[in-house]
Amino acid sequence: MKWLGVRIPLETETAILTAANPISRSIEICRDNLRQILDHDYAREIPLGINVESVSINRDEIDASVDLFRALEGVLRESLAQRARS
């Protein structure tokens, strides 16, 4: 991601690079970040879309982009269901 110009906090970079499964850890971090965004009141008032795109030629990373999308979609659906119950 750095080569794309994305700045990654050192704590996040370390968590991913030292994980037994860096791809899974990266997905967990993205999922947690989306949950934090959706927990704010303003999330109800702004349109939010999810776009996941693979920029890798590594098959594991390409497959992980599909896993990431599904994980984020699940978080979004979970949040919408909670709002509907509220």
N, C-alpha and C. Protein backbone atom coordinates (compact mmCIF):
# COMPACT_ATOMS: atom_id res chain seq x y z
N MET A 1 0.82 -1.19 0.00
CA MET A 1 0.00 0.00 0.00
C MET A 1 0.87 1.26 0.00
N LYS A 2 2.01 1.17 0.64
CA LYS A 2 2.88 2.36 0.69
C LYS A 2 3.28 2.82 -0.71
N TRP A 3 3.52 1.87 -1.60
CA TRP A 3 3.93 2.27 -2.95
C TRP A 3 2.82 2.98 -3.70
N LEU A 4 1.58 2.87 -3.18
CA LEU A 4 0.45 3.61 -3.76
C LEU A 4 0.30 4.99 -3.13
N GLY A 5 1.14 5.26 -2.13
CA GLY A 5 1.07 6.56 -1.46
C GLY A 5 0.20 6.56 -0.23
N VAL A 6 -0.22 5.39 0.22
CA VAL A 6 -1.06 5.28 1.41
C VAL A 6 -0.17 5.32 2.65
N ARG A 7 -0.51 6.19 3.58
CA ARG A 7 0.23 6.26 4.83
C ARG A 7 -0.42 5.32 5.83
N ILE A 8 0.38 4.43 6.39
CA ILE A 8 -0.12 3.43 7.33
C ILE A 8 0.53 3.68 8.67
N PRO A 9 -0.28 3.81 9.74
CA PRO A 9 0.30 4.00 11.07
C PRO A 9 1.27 2.86 11.41
N LEU A 10 2.36 3.20 12.07
CA LEU A 10 3.37 2.20 12.41
C LEU A 10 2.76 1.04 13.20
N GLU A 11 1.86 1.33 14.11
CA GLU A 11 1.20 0.29 14.91
C GLU A 11 0.45 -0.70 14.01
N THR A 12 -0.24 -0.19 13.02
CA THR A 12 -0.98 -1.05 12.09
C THR A 12 -0.02 -1.86 11.22
N GLU A 13 1.00 -1.22 10.73
CA GLU A 13 1.99 -1.91 9.90
C GLU A 13 2.64 -3.05 10.68
N THR A 14 3.01 -2.77 11.92
CA THR A 14 3.65 -3.78 12.76
C THR A 14 2.69 -4.94 13.02
N ALA A 15 1.43 -4.62 13.32
CA ALA A 15 0.43 -5.66 13.58
C ALA A 15 0.28 -6.59 12.39
N ILE A 16 0.31 -6.04 11.19
CA ILE A 16 0.15 -6.86 9.99
C ILE A 16 1.42 -7.66 9.70
N LEU A 17 2.55 -6.99 9.74
CA LEU A 17 3.80 -7.65 9.34
C LEU A 17 4.29 -8.69 10.34
N THR A 18 3.86 -8.59 11.59
CA THR A 18 4.29 -9.58 12.59
C THR A 18 3.24 -10.67 12.83
N ALA A 19 2.12 -10.58 12.14
CA ALA A 19 1.05 -11.57 12.32
C ALA A 19 1.43 -12.90 11.68
N ALA A 20 0.94 -13.98 12.26
CA ALA A 20 1.15 -15.30 11.68
C ALA A 20 0.52 -15.38 10.28
N ASN A 21 -0.62 -14.69 10.11
CA ASN A 21 -1.29 -14.63 8.81
C ASN A 21 -1.57 -13.16 8.50
N PRO A 22 -0.64 -12.47 7.83
CA PRO A 22 -0.80 -11.04 7.58
C PRO A 22 -2.06 -10.67 6.81
N ILE A 23 -2.49 -11.51 5.88
CA ILE A 23 -3.70 -11.20 5.11
C ILE A 23 -4.92 -11.21 6.02
N SER A 24 -5.05 -12.22 6.85
CA SER A 24 -6.19 -12.29 7.78
C SER A 24 -6.17 -11.12 8.76
N ARG A 25 -4.99 -10.79 9.24
CA ARG A 25 -4.87 -9.66 10.20
C ARG A 25 -5.27 -8.36 9.53
N SER A 26 -4.88 -8.18 8.29
CA SER A 26 -5.25 -6.98 7.54
C SER A 26 -6.77 -6.87 7.39
N ILE A 27 -7.41 -7.99 7.08
CA ILE A 27 -8.87 -8.01 6.95
C ILE A 27 -9.52 -7.67 8.29
N GLU A 28 -9.00 -8.21 9.38
CA GLU A 28 -9.52 -7.91 10.72
C GLU A 28 -9.43 -6.41 11.01
N ILE A 29 -8.31 -5.81 10.68
CA ILE A 29 -8.11 -4.38 10.93
C ILE A 29 -9.11 -3.57 10.11
N CYS A 30 -9.28 -3.92 8.86
CA CYS A 30 -10.25 -3.20 8.01
C CYS A 30 -11.67 -3.35 8.55
N ARG A 31 -12.00 -4.55 8.98
CA ARG A 31 -13.34 -4.80 9.54
C ARG A 31 -13.55 -3.97 10.81
N ASP A 32 -12.55 -3.93 11.67
CA ASP A 32 -12.64 -3.14 12.91
C ASP A 32 -12.77 -1.66 12.61
N ASN A 33 -12.03 -1.19 11.60
CA ASN A 33 -12.12 0.22 11.22
C ASN A 33 -13.52 0.58 10.73
N LEU A 34 -14.11 -0.29 9.92
CA LEU A 34 -15.46 -0.02 9.43
C LEU A 34 -16.45 -0.01 10.60
N ARG A 35 -16.31 -0.92 11.53
CA ARG A 35 -17.19 -0.92 12.71
C ARG A 35 -17.08 0.39 13.47
N GLN A 36 -15.87 0.90 13.63
CA GLN A 36 -15.67 2.16 14.34
C GLN A 36 -16.35 3.31 13.61
N ILE A 37 -16.25 3.31 12.29
CA ILE A 37 -16.91 4.36 11.49
C ILE A 37 -18.42 4.27 11.67
N LEU A 38 -18.96 3.07 11.57
CA LEU A 38 -20.41 2.88 11.64
C LEU A 38 -20.98 3.12 13.03
N ASP A 39 -20.14 3.09 14.05
CA ASP A 39 -20.59 3.35 15.41
C ASP A 39 -20.89 4.82 15.67
N HIS A 40 -20.42 5.70 14.82
CA HIS A 40 -20.66 7.14 15.00
C HIS A 40 -22.04 7.52 14.49
N ASP A 41 -22.64 8.50 15.15
CA ASP A 41 -23.98 8.96 14.74
C ASP A 41 -24.00 9.48 13.31
N TYR A 42 -22.91 10.15 12.90
CA TYR A 42 -22.88 10.72 11.56
C TYR A 42 -22.98 9.67 10.46
N ALA A 43 -22.68 8.42 10.79
CA ALA A 43 -22.72 7.35 9.77
C ALA A 43 -24.13 7.17 9.22
N ARG A 44 -25.13 7.53 9.99
CA ARG A 44 -26.52 7.41 9.52
C ARG A 44 -26.88 8.50 8.51
N GLU A 45 -26.11 9.57 8.51
CA GLU A 45 -26.46 10.73 7.70
C GLU A 45 -25.66 10.89 6.42
N ILE A 46 -24.66 10.05 6.23
CA ILE A 46 -23.85 10.18 5.02
C ILE A 46 -23.93 8.89 4.21
N PRO A 47 -23.94 9.03 2.90
CA PRO A 47 -23.93 7.82 2.08
C PRO A 47 -22.58 7.14 2.22
N LEU A 48 -22.60 5.85 2.32
CA LEU A 48 -21.37 5.09 2.49
C LEU A 48 -21.37 3.91 1.55
N GLY A 49 -20.33 3.80 0.79
CA GLY A 49 -20.18 2.66 -0.11
C GLY A 49 -18.88 1.94 0.21
N ILE A 50 -18.77 0.72 -0.22
CA ILE A 50 -17.57 -0.07 0.00
C ILE A 50 -17.03 -0.48 -1.37
N ASN A 51 -15.78 -0.16 -1.58
CA ASN A 51 -15.11 -0.55 -2.81
C ASN A 51 -13.81 -1.25 -2.45
N VAL A 52 -13.65 -2.46 -2.91
CA VAL A 52 -12.44 -3.23 -2.67
C VAL A 52 -11.88 -3.64 -4.02
N GLU A 53 -10.61 -3.34 -4.20
CA GLU A 53 -9.98 -3.67 -5.48
C GLU A 53 -8.60 -4.24 -5.21
N SER A 54 -8.26 -5.27 -5.88
CA SER A 54 -6.93 -5.85 -5.75
C SER A 54 -5.99 -5.20 -6.75
N VAL A 55 -4.80 -4.83 -6.27
CA VAL A 55 -3.78 -4.27 -7.15
C VAL A 55 -2.56 -5.18 -7.18
N SER A 56 -2.76 -6.41 -6.80
CA SER A 56 -1.67 -7.38 -6.69
C SER A 56 -1.75 -8.43 -7.80
N ILE A 57 -0.62 -9.02 -8.09
CA ILE A 57 -0.62 -10.17 -9.01
C ILE A 57 -0.51 -11.47 -8.22
N ASN A 58 -0.40 -11.35 -6.90
CA ASN A 58 -0.31 -12.50 -6.01
C ASN A 58 -1.71 -13.10 -5.82
N ARG A 59 -1.88 -14.37 -6.18
CA ARG A 59 -3.20 -15.00 -6.13
C ARG A 59 -3.83 -14.96 -4.74
N ASP A 60 -3.03 -15.18 -3.69
CA ASP A 60 -3.56 -15.14 -2.33
C ASP A 60 -4.14 -13.76 -2.01
N GLU A 61 -3.47 -12.72 -2.46
CA GLU A 61 -3.94 -11.36 -2.20
C GLU A 61 -5.17 -11.03 -3.03
N ILE A 62 -5.23 -11.53 -4.23
CA ILE A 62 -6.42 -11.33 -5.06
C ILE A 62 -7.62 -12.01 -4.41
N ASP A 63 -7.44 -13.26 -3.98
CA ASP A 63 -8.52 -13.98 -3.29
C ASP A 63 -8.91 -13.26 -2.00
N ALA A 64 -7.93 -12.69 -1.32
CA ALA A 64 -8.20 -11.99 -0.07
C ALA A 64 -9.05 -10.74 -0.31
N SER A 65 -8.95 -10.14 -1.48
CA SER A 65 -9.78 -8.96 -1.76
C SER A 65 -11.26 -9.34 -1.76
N VAL A 66 -11.56 -10.54 -2.24
CA VAL A 66 -12.95 -11.03 -2.21
C VAL A 66 -13.36 -11.29 -0.76
N ASP A 67 -12.47 -11.90 0.02
CA ASP A 67 -12.74 -12.14 1.44
C ASP A 67 -12.96 -10.83 2.18
N LEU A 68 -12.13 -9.83 1.85
CA LEU A 68 -12.27 -8.52 2.50
C LEU A 68 -13.62 -7.90 2.18
N PHE A 69 -14.01 -7.94 0.91
CA PHE A 69 -15.31 -7.37 0.55
C PHE A 69 -16.43 -8.06 1.31
N ARG A 70 -16.39 -9.38 1.36
CA ARG A 70 -17.44 -10.12 2.06
C ARG A 70 -17.46 -9.79 3.55
N ALA A 71 -16.28 -9.63 4.15
CA ALA A 71 -16.21 -9.28 5.57
C ALA A 71 -16.79 -7.89 5.82
N LEU A 72 -16.45 -6.94 4.96
CA LEU A 72 -16.96 -5.58 5.13
C LEU A 72 -18.46 -5.51 4.83
N GLU A 73 -18.89 -6.26 3.86
CA GLU A 73 -20.32 -6.33 3.56
C GLU A 73 -21.08 -6.87 4.78
N GLY A 74 -20.52 -7.89 5.43
CA GLY A 74 -21.13 -8.45 6.62
C GLY A 74 -21.24 -7.43 7.75
N VAL A 75 -20.20 -6.65 7.94
CA VAL A 75 -20.22 -5.60 8.97
C VAL A 75 -21.30 -4.58 8.65
N LEU A 76 -21.38 -4.17 7.39
CA LEU A 76 -22.38 -3.19 6.98
C LEU A 76 -23.79 -3.74 7.17
N ARG A 77 -24.02 -4.96 6.78
CA ARG A 77 -25.35 -5.57 6.95
C ARG A 77 -25.70 -5.70 8.44
N GLU A 78 -24.72 -6.09 9.23
CA GLU A 78 -24.91 -6.20 10.68
C GLU A 78 -25.31 -4.85 11.29
N SER A 79 -24.63 -3.81 10.84
CA SER A 79 -24.93 -2.46 11.33
C SER A 79 -26.34 -2.01 10.93
N LEU A 80 -26.69 -2.28 9.69
CA LEU A 80 -28.03 -1.90 9.21
C LEU A 80 -29.11 -2.65 9.98
N ALA A 81 -28.88 -3.92 10.27
CA ALA A 81 -29.86 -4.71 11.03
C ALA A 81 -30.00 -4.17 12.45
N GLN A 82 -28.90 -3.76 13.06
CA GLN A 82 -28.95 -3.19 14.41
C GLN A 82 -29.74 -1.89 14.41
N ARG A 83 -29.52 -1.07 13.38
CA ARG A 83 -30.25 0.20 13.28
C ARG A 83 -31.74 -0.04 13.10
N ALA A 84 -32.09 -1.06 12.32
CA ALA A 84 -33.50 -1.37 12.09
C ALA A 84 -34.19 -1.81 13.38
N ARG A 85 -33.44 -2.48 14.25
CA ARG A 85 -34.00 -2.92 15.54
C ARG A 85 -34.11 -1.77 16.53
N SER A 86 -33.33 -0.70 16.32
CA SER A 86 -33.32 0.43 17.27
C SER A 86 -34.48 1.35 17.08
